[in-house]
Amino acid sequence: MKTIFSIFLLFCFHFAFAQESHLKNLKQLTFGGDNAEAYFSFNGRNLTFQSNNKAWGLECDQIFNMSIEKAARDTTYRPAKISNGDGRTTCSYFMPGDKQILFASTHLGGKECPAPPETQGKYLWAVYDTYDIFVSDLNGKIVKQLTNTPGYDAEATVSPKGDLIVFTSDRSGDLELWTMNIDGSNQKQITTGLGYDGGAFFSPDGKQLVFRSSRPKTDAEIKEYKELLAKGLVAPTNMEIYVCDIDGKNLKQVTQLGKANWAPFFHPSGKKIIFSSNHHSQRGYDFQLYMINVDGTGLEQITNESIFNAFPMFSPDGKKLVFSSNRNNHGTRDTNLFIADWVE
């Protein structure tokens, strides 16, 4: 009986994994804590990401630079910490040349981790007004501050062309997308619609942006959004995926799925978008990766393992996919980084 049960479990595991047909040679890169928003270097050899791994002495998210080769072969490998350990950090990205890393940090607002928000039982994200965007070298020395306006400046990513940075800011009174030159100059507001616009990435040719957005429509939704934003909070439970040109023109809604659709990234072809969504879930917290055409057709489920898969990014050559998942966490709350060969 035990043998039959073991065979049944083995069959179920292989059957479930086989359904993730776009992913091959899946490898786990981190082992403990919450590890997220891992993004490739321009040469595809490294990842910059944020982690709060207690085993690394962290109280809240800090930025790390990982050698993919070392992490794939050594489970005890500890990536180099890039942020200085003060405050909370988020949303790191390699700068052109892979000698510097961009990230947002609250450290100018204090050395302590900002207190978590009062959510009153709701699932909310904090929009800390002490976040600014910085550039550090690979030894952790901050070489430049790119934003210095009051309020939230974070979620910055870099164009594949190496000429522009997109980020989210509330400096105009709402959470909008902005762009700036790679040196921080010429900061321009790109979106204007009421609601949270964030998590933007450039298309492979650098001509478009894809991002997540909450667009409150009813009087009640608008009232709630504005009240939460005044408290430095957003409710990420109702978001859809949008695309626009890098100047904000030709804005189009890609998904109309309901619930939370977020963490989008362009497929190497520039014609599809991979993203995380719980639209299929009856219980809310079950996020899987999906792919969809830019015109909103051809929705395809990519993952089915575990109940959290998010932050997908293709390598610059389009051959690999990195993402965060709580698979294989042995019943803990850990979210780890995984990398796989991408199969079309």
Protein backbone atom coordinates (compact mmCIF):
# COMPACT_ATOMS: atom_id res chain seq x y z
CA MET A 1 0.00 0.00 0.00
CA LYS A 2 2.84 2.36 0.90
CA THR A 3 4.54 1.63 -2.42
CA ILE A 4 1.36 2.33 -4.37
CA PHE A 5 0.86 5.61 -2.51
CA SER A 6 4.46 6.65 -3.22
CA ILE A 7 4.03 5.89 -6.90
CA PHE A 8 0.79 7.91 -6.91
CA LEU A 9 2.56 10.92 -5.36
CA LEU A 10 5.39 10.63 -7.85
CA PHE A 11 2.92 10.48 -10.74
CA CYS A 12 1.05 13.54 -9.45
CA PHE A 13 4.29 15.52 -9.06
CA HIS A 14 5.47 14.73 -12.57
CA PHE A 15 2.03 15.38 -14.04
CA ALA A 16 1.78 18.80 -12.36
CA PHE A 17 5.30 19.78 -13.31
CA ALA A 18 4.75 18.61 -16.88
CA GLN A 19 1.97 21.17 -17.18
CA GLU A 20 4.59 23.93 -16.79
CA SER A 21 5.67 23.13 -20.31
CA HIS A 22 7.44 26.46 -20.94
CA LEU A 23 9.84 25.88 -18.03
CA LYS A 24 12.75 23.45 -18.28
CA ASN A 25 15.69 22.74 -15.96
CA LEU A 26 14.12 24.66 -13.07
CA LYS A 27 16.65 25.60 -10.38
CA GLN A 28 16.14 27.16 -6.97
CA LEU A 29 18.55 30.04 -6.26
CA THR A 30 17.67 31.17 -2.71
CA PHE A 31 16.74 29.23 0.41
CA GLY A 32 14.99 31.26 3.08
CA GLY A 33 13.16 34.51 3.73
CA ASP A 34 11.25 36.58 1.18
CA ASN A 35 13.27 37.00 -2.00
CA ALA A 36 11.66 38.98 -4.79
CA GLU A 37 11.99 41.31 -7.77
CA ALA A 38 15.06 39.57 -9.17
CA TYR A 39 16.18 41.23 -12.42
CA PHE A 40 18.94 40.25 -14.82
CA SER A 41 22.11 42.20 -15.49
CA PHE A 42 22.57 43.38 -19.07
CA ASN A 43 25.01 40.49 -19.70
CA GLY A 44 22.58 37.96 -18.19
CA ARG A 45 25.07 36.58 -15.65
CA ASN A 46 23.82 38.21 -12.46
CA LEU A 47 20.61 39.09 -10.68
CA THR A 48 19.89 42.02 -8.43
CA PHE A 49 17.07 41.39 -5.96
CA GLN A 50 15.66 42.26 -2.54
CA SER A 51 15.57 39.95 0.47
CA ASN A 52 14.63 40.02 4.15
CA ASN A 53 16.28 36.70 5.00
CA LYS A 54 16.64 36.60 8.80
CA ALA A 55 19.58 34.22 8.46
CA TRP A 56 21.45 37.09 6.79
CA GLY A 57 20.76 39.41 9.74
CA LEU A 58 18.09 41.43 7.94
CA GLU A 59 15.13 43.18 9.56
CA CYS A 60 13.54 44.35 6.30
CA ASP A 61 14.27 44.23 2.57
CA GLN A 62 17.82 44.96 1.42
CA ILE A 63 19.39 44.78 -2.05
CA PHE A 64 21.74 41.99 -3.18
CA ASN A 65 23.79 41.14 -6.27
CA MET A 66 23.77 37.44 -7.12
CA SER A 67 26.02 35.44 -9.41
CA ILE A 68 23.58 33.05 -11.10
CA GLU A 69 26.30 30.48 -11.73
CA LYS A 70 27.36 30.41 -8.06
CA ALA A 71 23.82 30.32 -6.72
CA ALA A 72 22.86 27.46 -9.06
CA ARG A 73 25.67 25.22 -7.82
CA ASP A 74 25.98 26.17 -4.12
CA THR A 75 22.97 26.27 -1.80
CA THR A 76 25.06 28.00 0.90
CA TYR A 77 26.14 30.85 -1.38
CA ARG A 78 25.40 34.29 0.05
CA PRO A 79 25.13 37.08 -2.53
CA ALA A 80 26.86 40.42 -2.00
CA LYS A 81 24.76 43.04 -0.20
CA ILE A 82 24.55 46.30 -2.17
CA SER A 83 22.39 48.50 0.08
CA ASN A 84 23.91 49.89 3.27
CA GLY A 85 21.50 48.17 5.66
CA ASP A 86 19.76 51.37 6.77
CA GLY A 87 16.04 51.83 6.19
CA ARG A 88 14.06 49.72 3.74
CA THR A 89 14.93 49.20 0.07
CA THR A 90 13.02 48.05 -2.98
CA CYS A 91 13.04 47.67 -6.76
CA SER A 92 16.66 47.34 -7.81
CA TYR A 93 17.90 47.18 -11.41
CA PHE A 94 21.26 47.03 -13.16
CA MET A 95 22.51 50.15 -14.87
CA PRO A 96 24.07 49.91 -18.37
CA GLY A 97 27.51 48.32 -18.17
CA ASP A 98 26.58 46.22 -15.11
CA LYS A 99 28.96 48.16 -12.85
CA GLN A 100 26.23 49.95 -10.92
CA ILE A 101 22.81 49.11 -9.46
CA LEU A 102 19.77 51.32 -9.18
CA PHE A 103 17.40 50.98 -6.21
CA ALA A 104 15.00 52.87 -3.96
CA SER A 105 15.72 53.36 -0.27
CA THR A 106 14.25 55.09 2.77
CA HIS A 107 17.63 55.42 4.52
CA LEU A 108 17.66 59.23 4.36
CA GLY A 109 14.48 59.15 6.43
CA GLY A 110 16.11 57.11 9.20
CA LYS A 111 18.29 54.08 9.87
CA GLU A 112 15.43 51.97 11.21
CA CYS A 113 13.08 49.98 9.00
CA PRO A 114 9.90 52.03 8.51
CA ALA A 115 7.07 50.76 10.66
CA PRO A 116 4.59 48.51 8.83
CA PRO A 117 1.31 50.25 8.05
CA GLU A 118 -1.91 49.95 10.02
CA THR A 119 -4.02 47.88 7.64
CA GLN A 120 -7.01 47.02 9.85
CA GLY A 121 -7.09 43.51 8.45
CA LYS A 122 -6.98 44.57 4.79
CA TYR A 123 -4.25 43.65 2.33
CA LEU A 124 -2.50 46.95 1.64
CA TRP A 125 0.86 48.12 0.34
CA ALA A 126 2.76 50.93 2.05
CA VAL A 127 3.89 53.87 -0.08
CA TYR A 128 6.64 55.29 2.14
CA ASP A 129 7.23 58.98 1.49
CA THR A 130 10.91 58.62 2.41
CA TYR A 131 11.72 56.50 -0.66
CA ASP A 132 14.17 58.04 -3.11
CA ILE A 133 16.09 56.47 -5.98
CA PHE A 134 19.85 55.95 -5.74
CA VAL A 135 22.67 54.42 -7.76
CA SER A 136 25.33 52.31 -6.03
CA ASP A 137 28.50 50.67 -7.22
CA LEU A 138 28.96 46.92 -6.77
CA ASN A 139 30.77 47.48 -3.47
CA GLY A 140 27.72 49.14 -1.94
CA LYS A 141 28.91 52.74 -2.22
CA ILE A 142 26.15 55.14 -3.28
CA VAL A 143 27.50 57.20 -6.15
CA LYS A 144 24.40 59.22 -7.05
CA GLN A 145 20.94 60.22 -5.83
CA LEU A 146 18.54 60.48 -8.78
CA THR A 147 15.42 61.82 -7.03
CA ASN A 148 15.04 64.29 -4.18
CA THR A 149 11.46 65.54 -4.34
CA PRO A 150 9.20 65.09 -1.28
CA GLY A 151 7.15 61.90 -1.34
CA TYR A 152 7.37 58.46 -2.89
CA ASP A 153 9.90 57.80 -5.67
CA ALA A 154 10.54 54.10 -6.36
CA GLU A 155 9.89 51.15 -8.71
CA ALA A 156 12.59 52.22 -11.16
CA THR A 157 13.68 50.08 -14.13
CA VAL A 158 16.03 50.75 -17.04
CA SER A 159 15.41 50.61 -20.78
CA PRO A 160 17.23 47.84 -22.70
CA LYS A 161 18.65 50.68 -24.82
CA GLY A 162 20.28 52.11 -21.68
CA ASP A 163 19.00 55.63 -22.23
CA LEU A 164 15.93 55.97 -19.97
CA ILE A 165 14.64 55.06 -16.52
CA VAL A 166 10.94 54.67 -15.70
CA PHE A 167 9.71 55.01 -12.11
CA THR A 168 6.63 55.68 -10.01
CA SER A 169 6.17 58.93 -8.10
CA ASP A 170 3.38 60.67 -6.19
CA ARG A 171 4.95 64.14 -6.55
CA SER A 172 2.01 65.32 -8.70
CA GLY A 173 -0.57 64.18 -6.13
CA ASP A 174 -1.18 60.71 -7.53
CA LEU A 175 0.90 57.59 -8.15
CA GLU A 176 1.95 58.09 -11.76
CA LEU A 177 4.67 56.83 -14.09
CA TRP A 178 7.58 59.15 -14.77
CA THR A 179 10.66 58.81 -16.96
CA MET A 180 14.11 60.35 -16.68
CA ASN A 181 17.37 60.19 -18.54
CA ILE A 182 19.86 57.61 -17.33
CA ASP A 183 21.67 60.34 -15.35
CA GLY A 184 18.46 61.47 -13.60
CA SER A 185 17.87 64.56 -15.72
CA ASN A 186 14.74 65.54 -17.64
CA GLN A 187 12.15 63.95 -15.34
CA LYS A 188 8.76 63.78 -17.09
CA GLN A 189 5.32 62.60 -16.02
CA ILE A 190 3.99 59.90 -18.38
CA THR A 191 0.58 58.82 -17.02
CA THR A 192 -2.22 61.03 -15.72
CA GLY A 193 -5.23 58.79 -14.96
CA LEU A 194 -6.40 58.57 -11.35
CA GLY A 195 -5.10 55.39 -9.73
CA TYR A 196 -1.89 53.61 -8.91
CA ASP A 197 0.41 53.19 -11.93
CA GLY A 198 3.52 51.19 -11.12
CA GLY A 199 5.84 48.27 -11.70
CA ALA A 200 6.68 49.45 -15.23
CA PHE A 201 9.10 47.81 -17.65
CA PHE A 202 10.28 48.70 -21.13
CA SER A 203 9.61 46.65 -24.25
CA PRO A 204 12.65 44.93 -25.82
CA ASP A 205 12.98 47.75 -28.40
CA GLY A 206 12.64 50.41 -25.68
CA LYS A 207 9.62 52.05 -27.36
CA GLN A 208 6.82 50.93 -25.03
CA LEU A 209 6.06 50.48 -21.34
CA VAL A 210 4.01 47.78 -19.65
CA PHE A 211 2.72 48.37 -16.12
CA ARG A 212 0.09 47.51 -13.51
CA SER A 213 -2.66 49.95 -12.70
CA SER A 214 -5.60 50.36 -10.37
CA ARG A 215 -8.14 52.68 -11.93
CA PRO A 216 -10.97 53.43 -9.47
CA LYS A 217 -14.18 54.30 -11.28
CA THR A 218 -17.13 54.50 -8.88
CA ASP A 219 -17.49 57.29 -6.32
CA ALA A 220 -16.86 54.77 -3.53
CA GLU A 221 -13.74 53.39 -5.20
CA ILE A 222 -12.36 56.88 -5.83
CA LYS A 223 -13.04 57.92 -2.24
CA GLU A 224 -11.32 54.84 -0.83
CA TYR A 225 -8.31 55.23 -3.14
CA LYS A 226 -7.78 58.88 -2.19
CA GLU A 227 -8.22 58.21 1.53
CA LEU A 228 -5.70 55.36 1.47
CA LEU A 229 -3.19 57.35 -0.60
CA ALA A 230 -3.40 60.20 1.91
CA LYS A 231 -2.25 57.66 4.52
CA GLY A 232 0.57 56.37 2.29
CA LEU A 233 -1.28 53.19 1.33
CA VAL A 234 -2.64 51.48 -1.77
CA ALA A 235 -4.94 48.47 -2.11
CA PRO A 236 -3.44 46.17 -4.78
CA THR A 237 -6.44 43.86 -4.94
CA ASN A 238 -7.89 45.22 -8.20
CA MET A 239 -5.28 45.89 -10.88
CA GLU A 240 -5.04 45.35 -14.61
CA ILE A 241 -2.15 45.39 -17.10
CA TYR A 242 -1.68 48.40 -19.41
CA VAL A 243 0.77 49.38 -22.14
CA CYS A 244 1.69 52.77 -23.57
CA ASP A 245 4.44 54.43 -25.58
CA ILE A 246 7.37 55.80 -23.58
CA ASP A 247 5.88 59.29 -23.87
CA GLY A 248 2.54 58.08 -22.45
CA LYS A 249 0.69 58.08 -25.78
CA ASN A 250 -1.35 55.14 -27.13
CA LEU A 251 -2.40 53.98 -23.66
CA LYS A 252 -4.18 50.62 -23.88
CA GLN A 253 -5.63 48.25 -21.30
CA VAL A 254 -4.35 44.72 -22.02
CA THR A 255 -6.16 42.61 -19.39
CA GLN A 256 -9.75 42.75 -18.24
CA LEU A 257 -9.61 39.79 -15.91
CA GLY A 258 -10.61 41.27 -12.56
CA LYS A 259 -8.83 40.85 -9.21
CA ALA A 260 -5.05 41.46 -9.12
CA ASN A 261 -3.05 41.34 -12.35
CA TRP A 262 0.46 42.65 -11.80
CA ALA A 263 4.24 42.15 -12.19
CA PRO A 264 4.14 42.31 -16.02
CA PHE A 265 7.15 41.90 -18.28
CA PHE A 266 7.43 41.82 -22.07
CA HIS A 267 8.11 38.55 -23.85
CA PRO A 268 11.34 38.76 -25.94
CA SER A 269 9.23 39.12 -29.09
CA GLY A 270 7.64 42.31 -27.74
CA LYS A 271 4.26 40.90 -28.81
CA LYS A 272 3.31 39.15 -25.56
CA ILE A 273 3.35 39.95 -21.84
CA ILE A 274 4.00 37.59 -18.94
CA PHE A 275 2.43 38.58 -15.62
CA SER A 276 1.13 37.31 -12.28
CA SER A 277 -2.58 36.99 -11.57
CA ASN A 278 -5.10 35.57 -9.10
CA HIS A 279 -8.11 36.13 -11.37
CA HIS A 280 -8.75 32.38 -11.53
CA SER A 281 -8.72 31.89 -7.76
CA GLN A 282 -11.73 31.47 -5.53
CA ARG A 283 -9.76 32.17 -2.35
CA GLY A 284 -7.83 35.24 -3.47
CA TYR A 285 -4.28 34.25 -2.59
CA ASP A 286 -3.31 31.99 -5.46
CA PHE A 287 -1.02 33.78 -7.90
CA GLN A 288 0.12 32.05 -11.07
CA LEU A 289 2.07 33.30 -14.08
CA TYR A 290 0.15 33.91 -17.29
CA MET A 291 1.03 35.04 -20.81
CA ILE A 292 -1.14 37.22 -23.01
CA ASN A 293 -0.83 38.94 -26.38
CA VAL A 294 -0.41 42.71 -26.26
CA ASP A 295 -3.84 43.05 -27.88
CA GLY A 296 -5.42 41.15 -24.96
CA THR A 297 -5.98 37.84 -26.77
CA GLY A 298 -4.44 34.40 -26.27
CA LEU A 299 -4.34 34.13 -22.48
CA GLU A 300 -2.18 31.16 -21.43
CA GLN A 301 -1.35 29.86 -17.96
CA ILE A 302 2.40 29.32 -17.43
CA THR A 303 2.70 27.99 -13.85
CA ASN A 304 0.56 25.83 -11.61
CA GLU A 305 2.90 24.88 -8.77
CA SER A 306 2.30 26.41 -5.29
CA ILE A 307 0.08 29.40 -4.58
CA PHE A 308 2.48 32.27 -5.27
CA ASN A 309 4.41 32.89 -8.48
CA ALA A 310 5.31 36.44 -9.46
CA PHE A 311 7.99 38.89 -10.65
CA PRO A 312 8.88 37.08 -13.90
CA MET A 313 11.68 38.45 -16.05
CA PHE A 314 13.23 37.11 -19.24
CA SER A 315 17.00 37.15 -19.62
CA PRO A 316 18.36 39.60 -22.20
CA ASP A 317 18.85 36.76 -24.70
CA GLY A 318 15.31 35.48 -24.05
CA LYS A 319 16.52 31.99 -23.13
CA LYS A 320 15.79 32.02 -19.40
CA LEU A 321 13.05 33.12 -17.04
CA VAL A 322 13.59 34.11 -13.42
CA PHE A 323 10.68 34.47 -10.98
CA SER A 324 9.72 34.31 -7.31
CA SER A 325 7.71 31.41 -5.91
CA ASN A 326 6.77 29.83 -2.61
CA ARG A 327 7.08 26.32 -4.07
CA ASN A 328 9.41 23.96 -2.22
CA ASN A 329 9.35 26.05 0.99
CA HIS A 330 8.53 23.05 3.18
CA GLY A 331 5.43 24.61 4.69
CA THR A 332 7.07 27.89 5.68
CA ARG A 333 6.17 31.36 4.43
CA ASP A 334 9.42 31.62 2.47
CA THR A 335 9.40 32.96 -1.08
CA ASN A 336 12.46 32.06 -3.10
CA LEU A 337 14.00 32.80 -6.49
CA PHE A 338 13.86 30.24 -9.30
CA ILE A 339 15.37 30.21 -12.77
CA ALA A 340 14.44 28.03 -15.72
CA ASP A 341 15.21 27.58 -19.38
CA TRP A 342 12.35 29.07 -21.41
CA VAL A 343 10.71 26.76 -23.93
CA GLU A 344 8.47 28.32 -26.61
